[in-house]
């Protein structure tokens, strides 16, 4: 009789490889800020038909909403 192979051990939660790159809160804040920045940029482009102005408005909205959401969404 042969014995079945032993499965590799699962990584422990305390190992550095098990930690996520971003926390769920940080991912949520950045994702919502990207969505808000995209919406503002697209609406600005439709309003003014100026790509540079729309990009500037979208990036500004992303930065401002990142700061606002950081303070709004608690730890």
PDB file of N, CA and C in Angstrom:
ATOM      1  N   UNK A   1       0.826  -1.197   0.000  1.00  0.00           N
ATOM      2  CA  UNK A   1       0.000   0.000   0.000  1.00  0.00           C
ATOM      3  C   UNK A   1       0.868   1.257   0.000  1.00  0.00           C
ATOM      4  N   UNK A   2       0.393   2.228  -0.726  1.00  0.00           N
ATOM      5  CA  UNK A   2       1.115   3.493  -0.745  1.00  0.00           C
ATOM      6  C   UNK A   2       0.328   4.511   0.064  1.00  0.00           C
ATOM      7  N   UNK A   3       1.025   5.420   0.643  1.00  0.00           N
ATOM      8  CA  UNK A   3       0.361   6.464   1.416  1.00  0.00           C
ATOM      9  C   UNK A   3       0.094   7.657   0.508  1.00  0.00           C
ATOM     10  N   UNK A   4      -1.010   8.358   0.745  1.00  0.00           N
ATOM     11  CA  UNK A   4      -1.298   9.538  -0.085  1.00  0.00           C
ATOM     12  C   UNK A   4      -0.288  10.649   0.204  1.00  0.00           C
ATOM     13  N   UNK A   5      -0.019  11.503  -0.764  1.00  0.00           N
ATOM     14  CA  UNK A   5       0.933  12.594  -0.531  1.00  0.00           C
ATOM     15  C   UNK A   5       0.406  13.573   0.507  1.00  0.00           C
ATOM     16  N   UNK A   6       1.308  14.132   1.250  1.00  0.00           N
ATOM     17  CA  UNK A   6       0.951  15.107   2.285  1.00  0.00           C
ATOM     18  C   UNK A   6       0.795  16.474   1.614  1.00  0.00           C
ATOM     19  N   UNK A   7      -0.354  17.151   1.847  1.00  0.00           N
ATOM     20  CA  UNK A   7      -0.530  18.480   1.225  1.00  0.00           C
ATOM     21  C   UNK A   7       0.407  19.492   1.871  1.00  0.00           C
ATOM     22  N   UNK A   8       0.804  20.507   1.107  1.00  0.00           N
ATOM     23  CA  UNK A   8       1.693  21.530   1.686  1.00  0.00           C
ATOM     24  C   UNK A   8       0.960  22.305   2.777  1.00  0.00           C
ATOM     25  N   UNK A   9       1.693  22.760   3.782  1.00  0.00           N
ATOM     26  CA  UNK A   9       1.036  23.512   4.861  1.00  0.00           C
ATOM     27  C   UNK A   9       0.534  24.863   4.362  1.00  0.00           C
ATOM     28  N   UNK A  10      -0.575  25.309   4.907  1.00  0.00           N
ATOM     29  CA  UNK A  10      -1.118  26.620   4.549  1.00  0.00           C
ATOM     30  C   UNK A  10      -0.321  27.703   5.255  1.00  0.00           C
ATOM     31  N   UNK A  11      -0.135  28.840   4.620  1.00  0.00           N
ATOM     32  CA  UNK A  11       0.623  29.905   5.291  1.00  0.00           C
ATOM     33  C   UNK A  11      -0.137  30.416   6.501  1.00  0.00           C
ATOM     34  N   UNK A  12       0.598  30.709   7.530  1.00  0.00           N
ATOM     35  CA  UNK A  12      -0.037  31.220   8.747  1.00  0.00           C
ATOM     36  C   UNK A  12      -0.405  32.690   8.548  1.00  0.00           C
ATOM     37  N   UNK A  13      -1.446  33.165   9.247  1.00  0.00           N
ATOM     38  CA  UNK A  13      -1.856  34.574   9.066  1.00  0.00           C
ATOM     39  C   UNK A  13      -0.796  35.567   9.510  1.00  0.00           C
ATOM     40  N   UNK A  14       0.143  35.138  10.353  1.00  0.00           N
ATOM     41  CA  UNK A  14       1.146  36.078  10.843  1.00  0.00           C
ATOM     42  C   UNK A  14       2.341  36.206   9.901  1.00  0.00           C
ATOM     43  N   UNK A  15       2.414  35.392   8.856  1.00  0.00           N
ATOM     44  CA  UNK A  15       3.541  35.493   7.935  1.00  0.00           C
ATOM     45  C   UNK A  15       3.396  36.748   7.071  1.00  0.00           C
ATOM     46  N   UNK A  16       4.502  37.366   6.681  1.00  0.00           N
ATOM     47  CA  UNK A  16       4.410  38.606   5.897  1.00  0.00           C
ATOM     48  C   UNK A  16       3.760  38.415   4.528  1.00  0.00           C
ATOM     49  N   UNK A  17       3.799  37.207   3.983  1.00  0.00           N
ATOM     50  CA  UNK A  17       3.190  36.978   2.678  1.00  0.00           C
ATOM     51  C   UNK A  17       1.670  36.985   2.743  1.00  0.00           C
ATOM     52  N   UNK A  18       1.098  36.765   3.935  1.00  0.00           N
ATOM     53  CA  UNK A  18      -0.347  36.681   4.064  1.00  0.00           C
ATOM     54  C   UNK A  18      -1.002  38.056   4.197  1.00  0.00           C
ATOM     55  N   UNK A  19      -0.216  39.095   4.434  1.00  0.00           N
ATOM     56  CA  UNK A  19      -0.794  40.425   4.608  1.00  0.00           C
ATOM     57  C   UNK A  19      -1.154  41.008   3.246  1.00  0.00           C
ATOM     58  N   UNK A  20      -2.318  41.647   3.144  1.00  0.00           N
ATOM     59  CA  UNK A  20      -2.691  42.259   1.858  1.00  0.00           C
ATOM     60  C   UNK A  20      -1.884  43.518   1.592  1.00  0.00           C
ATOM     61  N   UNK A  21      -1.772  43.864   0.327  1.00  0.00           N
ATOM     62  CA  UNK A  21      -1.041  45.065  -0.053  1.00  0.00           C
ATOM     63  C   UNK A  21      -1.780  46.312   0.426  1.00  0.00           C
ATOM     64  N   UNK A  22      -3.110  46.309   0.273  1.00  0.00           N
ATOM     65  CA  UNK A  22      -3.953  47.408   0.734  1.00  0.00           C
ATOM     66  C   UNK A  22      -5.017  46.850   1.663  1.00  0.00           C
ATOM     67  N   UNK A  23      -5.390  47.634   2.650  1.00  0.00           N
ATOM     68  CA  UNK A  23      -6.501  47.220   3.500  1.00  0.00           C
ATOM     69  C   UNK A  23      -7.812  47.390   2.733  1.00  0.00           C
ATOM     70  N   UNK A  24      -8.856  46.787   3.238  1.00  0.00           N
ATOM     71  CA  UNK A  24     -10.155  46.922   2.567  1.00  0.00           C
ATOM     72  C   UNK A  24     -10.614  48.366   2.576  1.00  0.00           C
ATOM     73  N   UNK A  25     -10.325  49.071   3.643  1.00  0.00           N
ATOM     74  CA  UNK A  25     -10.725  50.475   3.750  1.00  0.00           C
ATOM     75  C   UNK A  25      -9.996  51.319   2.710  1.00  0.00           C
ATOM     76  N   UNK A  26      -8.689  51.108   2.566  1.00  0.00           N
ATOM     77  CA  UNK A  26      -7.915  51.879   1.590  1.00  0.00           C
ATOM     78  C   UNK A  26      -8.377  51.570   0.173  1.00  0.00           C
ATOM     79  N   UNK A  27      -8.646  50.307  -0.106  1.00  0.00           N
ATOM     80  CA  UNK A  27      -9.125  49.935  -1.434  1.00  0.00           C
ATOM     81  C   UNK A  27     -10.478  50.577  -1.722  1.00  0.00           C
ATOM     82  N   UNK A  28     -11.359  50.604  -0.724  1.00  0.00           N
ATOM     83  CA  UNK A  28     -12.675  51.220  -0.895  1.00  0.00           C
ATOM     84  C   UNK A  28     -12.546  52.719  -1.141  1.00  0.00           C
ATOM     85  N   UNK A  29     -11.712  53.387  -0.358  1.00  0.00           N
ATOM     86  CA  UNK A  29     -11.535  54.834  -0.516  1.00  0.00           C
ATOM     87  C   UNK A  29     -10.975  55.156  -1.900  1.00  0.00           C
ATOM     88  N   UNK A  30      -9.954  54.419  -2.337  1.00  0.00           N
ATOM     89  CA  UNK A  30      -9.353  54.702  -3.645  1.00  0.00           C
ATOM     90  C   UNK A  30     -10.288  54.362  -4.798  1.00  0.00           C
ATOM     91  N   UNK A  31     -11.051  53.279  -4.652  1.00  0.00           N
ATOM     92  CA  UNK A  31     -11.993  52.908  -5.711  1.00  0.00           C
ATOM     93  C   UNK A  31     -13.114  53.935  -5.838  1.00  0.00           C
ATOM     94  N   UNK A  32     -13.657  54.375  -4.708  1.00  0.00           N
ATOM     95  CA  UNK A  32     -14.714  55.387  -4.756  1.00  0.00           C
ATOM     96  C   UNK A  32     -14.174  56.715  -5.286  1.00  0.00           C
ATOM     97  N   UNK A  33     -12.960  57.073  -4.898  1.00  0.00           N
ATOM     98  CA  UNK A  33     -12.358  58.320  -5.383  1.00  0.00           C
ATOM     99  C   UNK A  33     -12.107  58.248  -6.888  1.00  0.00           C
ATOM    100  N   UNK A  34     -11.669  57.092  -7.378  1.00  0.00           N
ATOM    101  CA  UNK A  34     -11.472  56.940  -8.819  1.00  0.00           C
ATOM    102  C   UNK A  34     -12.794  57.054  -9.565  1.00  0.00           C
ATOM    103  N   UNK A  35     -13.851  56.481  -9.000  1.00  0.00           N
ATOM    104  CA  UNK A  35     -15.168  56.587  -9.632  1.00  0.00           C
ATOM    105  C   UNK A  35     -15.633  58.042  -9.675  1.00  0.00           C
ATOM    106  N   UNK A  36     -15.484  58.748  -8.565  1.00  0.00           N
ATOM    107  CA  UNK A  36     -15.903  60.147  -8.510  1.00  0.00           C
ATOM    108  C   UNK A  36     -15.082  60.983  -9.485  1.00  0.00           C
ATOM    109  N   UNK A  37     -13.769  60.765  -9.516  1.00  0.00           N
ATOM    110  CA  UNK A  37     -12.911  61.505 -10.447  1.00  0.00           C
ATOM    111  C   UNK A  37     -13.269  61.238 -11.895  1.00  0.00           C
ATOM    112  N   UNK A  38     -13.603  59.988 -12.211  1.00  0.00           N
ATOM    113  CA  UNK A  38     -14.000  59.643 -13.583  1.00  0.00           C
ATOM    114  C   UNK A  38     -15.300  60.333 -13.969  1.00  0.00           C
ATOM    115  N   UNK A  39     -16.268  60.297 -13.068  1.00  0.00           N
ATOM    116  CA  UNK A  39     -17.563  60.934 -13.350  1.00  0.00           C
ATOM    117  C   UNK A  39     -17.385  62.432 -13.562  1.00  0.00           C
ATOM    118  N   UNK A  40     -16.613  63.074 -12.688  1.00  0.00           N
ATOM    119  CA  UNK A  40     -16.402  64.516 -12.825  1.00  0.00           C
ATOM    120  C   UNK A  40     -15.663  64.829 -14.134  1.00  0.00           C
ATOM    121  N   UNK A  41     -14.653  64.031 -14.459  1.00  0.00           N
ATOM    122  CA  UNK A  41     -13.915  64.257 -15.705  1.00  0.00           C
ATOM    123  C   UNK A  41     -14.775  64.092 -16.937  1.00  0.00           C
ATOM    124  N   UNK A  42     -15.605  63.048 -16.965  1.00  0.00           N
ATOM    125  CA  UNK A  42     -16.474  62.815 -18.120  1.00  0.00           C
ATOM    126  C   UNK A  42     -17.517  63.916 -18.245  1.00  0.00           C
ATOM    127  N   UNK A  43     -18.118  64.285 -17.137  1.00  0.00           N
ATOM    128  CA  UNK A  43     -19.117  65.359 -17.191  1.00  0.00           C
ATOM    129  C   UNK A  43     -18.492  66.687 -17.613  1.00  0.00           C
ATOM    130  N   UNK A  44     -17.282  66.947 -17.157  1.00  0.00           N
ATOM    131  CA  UNK A  44     -16.595  68.174 -17.564  1.00  0.00           C
ATOM    132  C   UNK A  44     -16.284  68.150 -19.062  1.00  0.00           C
ATOM    133  N   UNK A  45     -15.869  66.978 -19.555  1.00  0.00           N
ATOM    134  CA  UNK A  45     -15.581  66.874 -20.987  1.00  0.00           C
ATOM    135  C   UNK A  45     -16.847  67.078 -21.822  1.00  0.00           C
ATOM    136  N   UNK A  46     -17.954  66.491 -21.382  1.00  0.00           N
ATOM    137  CA  UNK A  46     -19.209  66.679 -22.114  1.00  0.00           C
ATOM    138  C   UNK A  46     -19.670  68.138 -22.064  1.00  0.00           C
ATOM    139  N   UNK A  47     -19.370  68.804 -20.978  1.00  0.00           N
ATOM    140  CA  UNK A  47     -19.797  70.188 -20.820  1.00  0.00           C
ATOM    141  C   UNK A  47     -18.933  71.147 -21.637  1.00  0.00           C
ATOM    142  N   UNK A  48     -17.608  70.970 -21.557  1.00  0.00           N
ATOM    143  CA  UNK A  48     -16.717  71.951 -22.161  1.00  0.00           C
ATOM    144  C   UNK A  48     -16.024  71.464 -23.433  1.00  0.00           C
ATOM    145  N   UNK A  49     -16.057  70.175 -23.717  1.00  0.00           N
ATOM    146  CA  UNK A  49     -15.363  69.578 -24.871  1.00  0.00           C
ATOM    147  C   UNK A  49     -13.883  69.928 -24.877  1.00  0.00           C
ATOM    148  N   UNK A  50     -13.302  69.949 -23.701  1.00  0.00           N
ATOM    149  CA  UNK A  50     -11.889  70.271 -23.538  1.00  0.00           C
ATOM    150  C   UNK A  50     -11.251  69.128 -22.753  1.00  0.00           C
ATOM    151  N   UNK A  51     -10.407  68.331 -23.421  1.00  0.00           N
ATOM    152  CA  UNK A  51      -9.830  67.149 -22.782  1.00  0.00           C
ATOM    153  C   UNK A  51      -8.876  67.520 -21.648  1.00  0.00           C
ATOM    154  N   UNK A  52      -8.090  68.564 -21.839  1.00  0.00           N
ATOM    155  CA  UNK A  52      -7.136  68.957 -20.802  1.00  0.00           C
ATOM    156  C   UNK A  52      -7.857  69.447 -19.552  1.00  0.00           C
ATOM    157  N   UNK A  53      -8.881  70.240 -19.747  1.00  0.00           N
ATOM    158  CA  UNK A  53      -9.661  70.722 -18.606  1.00  0.00           C
ATOM    159  C   UNK A  53     -10.398  69.598 -17.910  1.00  0.00           C
ATOM    160  N   UNK A  54     -10.907  68.637 -18.682  1.00  0.00           N
ATOM    161  CA  UNK A  54     -11.606  67.502 -18.091  1.00  0.00           C
ATOM    162  C   UNK A  54     -10.647  66.638 -17.279  1.00  0.00           C
ATOM    163  N   UNK A  55      -9.435  66.434 -17.796  1.00  0.00           N
ATOM    164  CA  UNK A  55      -8.439  65.655 -17.060  1.00  0.00           C
ATOM    165  C   UNK A  55      -8.047  66.362 -15.773  1.00  0.00           C
ATOM    166  N   UNK A  56      -7.848  67.656 -15.837  1.00  0.00           N
ATOM    167  CA  UNK A  56      -7.502  68.423 -14.649  1.00  0.00           C
ATOM    168  C   UNK A  56      -8.632  68.379 -13.623  1.00  0.00           C
ATOM    169  N   UNK A  57      -9.876  68.494 -14.069  1.00  0.00           N
ATOM    170  CA  UNK A  57     -11.016  68.428 -13.158  1.00  0.00           C
ATOM    171  C   UNK A  57     -11.139  67.031 -12.537  1.00  0.00           C
ATOM    172  N   UNK A  58     -10.919  65.989 -13.326  1.00  0.00           N
ATOM    173  CA  UNK A  58     -11.009  64.629 -12.817  1.00  0.00           C
ATOM    174  C   UNK A  58      -9.937  64.317 -11.793  1.00  0.00           C
ATOM    175  N   UNK A  59      -8.706  64.740 -12.067  1.00  0.00           N
ATOM    176  CA  UNK A  59      -7.608  64.510 -11.115  1.00  0.00           C
ATOM    177  C   UNK A  59      -7.837  65.302  -9.830  1.00  0.00           C
ATOM    178  N   UNK A  60      -8.320  66.529  -9.955  1.00  0.00           N
ATOM    179  CA  UNK A  60      -8.611  67.339  -8.778  1.00  0.00           C
ATOM    180  C   UNK A  60      -9.729  66.710  -7.953  1.00  0.00           C
ATOM    181  N   UNK A  61     -10.758  66.218  -8.625  1.00  0.00           N
ATOM    182  CA  UNK A  61     -11.860  65.565  -7.913  1.00  0.00           C
ATOM    183  C   UNK A  61     -11.386  64.281  -7.235  1.00  0.00           C
ATOM    184  N   UNK A  62     -10.486  63.535  -7.886  1.00  0.00           N
ATOM    185  CA  UNK A  62      -9.932  62.331  -7.280  1.00  0.00           C
ATOM    186  C   UNK A  62      -9.187  62.669  -5.996  1.00  0.00           C
ATOM    187  N   UNK A  63      -8.336  63.676  -6.046  1.00  0.00           N
ATOM    188  CA  UNK A  63      -7.566  64.060  -4.858  1.00  0.00           C
ATOM    189  C   UNK A  63      -8.444  64.575  -3.737  1.00  0.00           C
ATOM    190  N   UNK A  64      -9.389  65.431  -4.080  1.00  0.00           N
ATOM    191  CA  UNK A  64     -10.267  65.992  -3.057  1.00  0.00           C
ATOM    192  C   UNK A  64     -11.172  64.922  -2.450  1.00  0.00           C
ATOM    193  N   UNK A  65     -11.680  64.026  -3.277  1.00  0.00           N
ATOM    194  CA  UNK A  65     -12.563  62.994  -2.739  1.00  0.00           C
ATOM    195  C   UNK A  65     -11.776  61.953  -1.944  1.00  0.00           C
ATOM    196  N   UNK A  66     -10.511  61.732  -2.284  1.00  0.00           N
ATOM    197  CA  UNK A  66      -9.688  60.835  -1.473  1.00  0.00           C
ATOM    198  C   UNK A  66      -9.531  61.380  -0.069  1.00  0.00           C
ATOM    199  N   UNK A  67      -9.244  62.656   0.034  1.00  0.00           N
ATOM    200  CA  UNK A  67      -9.109  63.264   1.363  1.00  0.00           C
ATOM    201  C   UNK A  67     -10.435  63.245   2.122  1.00  0.00           C
ATOM    202  N   UNK A  68     -11.525  63.586   1.427  1.00  0.00           N
ATOM    203  CA  UNK A  68     -12.832  63.600   2.079  1.00  0.00           C
ATOM    204  C   UNK A  68     -13.287  62.218   2.509  1.00  0.00           C
ATOM    205  N   UNK A  69     -13.119  61.225   1.653  1.00  0.00           N
ATOM    206  CA  UNK A  69     -13.531  59.869   1.997  1.00  0.00           C
ATOM    207  C   UNK A  69     -12.644  59.290   3.098  1.00  0.00           C
ATOM    208  N   UNK A  70     -11.379  59.668   3.125  1.00  0.00           N
ATOM    209  CA  UNK A  70     -10.483  59.207   4.185  1.00  0.00           C
ATOM    210  C   UNK A  70     -10.993  59.644   5.555  1.00  0.00           C
ATOM    211  N   UNK A  71     -11.469  60.868   5.617  1.00  0.00           N
ATOM    212  CA  UNK A  71     -11.999  61.381   6.887  1.00  0.00           C
ATOM    213  C   UNK A  71     -13.397  60.857   7.169  1.00  0.00           C
ATOM    214  N   UNK A  72     -14.168  60.617   6.112  1.00  0.00           N
ATOM    215  CA  UNK A  72     -15.560  60.193   6.283  1.00  0.00           C
ATOM    216  C   UNK A  72     -15.679  58.737   6.690  1.00  0.00           C
ATOM    217  N   UNK A  73     -14.901  57.865   6.059  1.00  0.00           N
ATOM    218  CA  UNK A  73     -14.986  56.436   6.343  1.00  0.00           C
ATOM    219  C   UNK A  73     -14.047  56.125   7.501  1.00  0.00           C
ATOM    220  N   UNK A  74     -14.616  55.760   8.628  1.00  0.00           N
ATOM    221  CA  UNK A  74     -13.829  55.526   9.840  1.00  0.00           C
ATOM    222  C   UNK A  74     -13.023  54.263   9.795  1.00  0.00           C
ATOM    223  N   UNK A  75     -12.104  54.180  10.690  1.00  0.00           N
ATOM    224  CA  UNK A  75     -11.247  52.986  10.768  1.00  0.00           C
ATOM    225  C   UNK A  75     -11.948  51.955  11.516  1.00  0.00           C
TER     226      UNK A  75
END
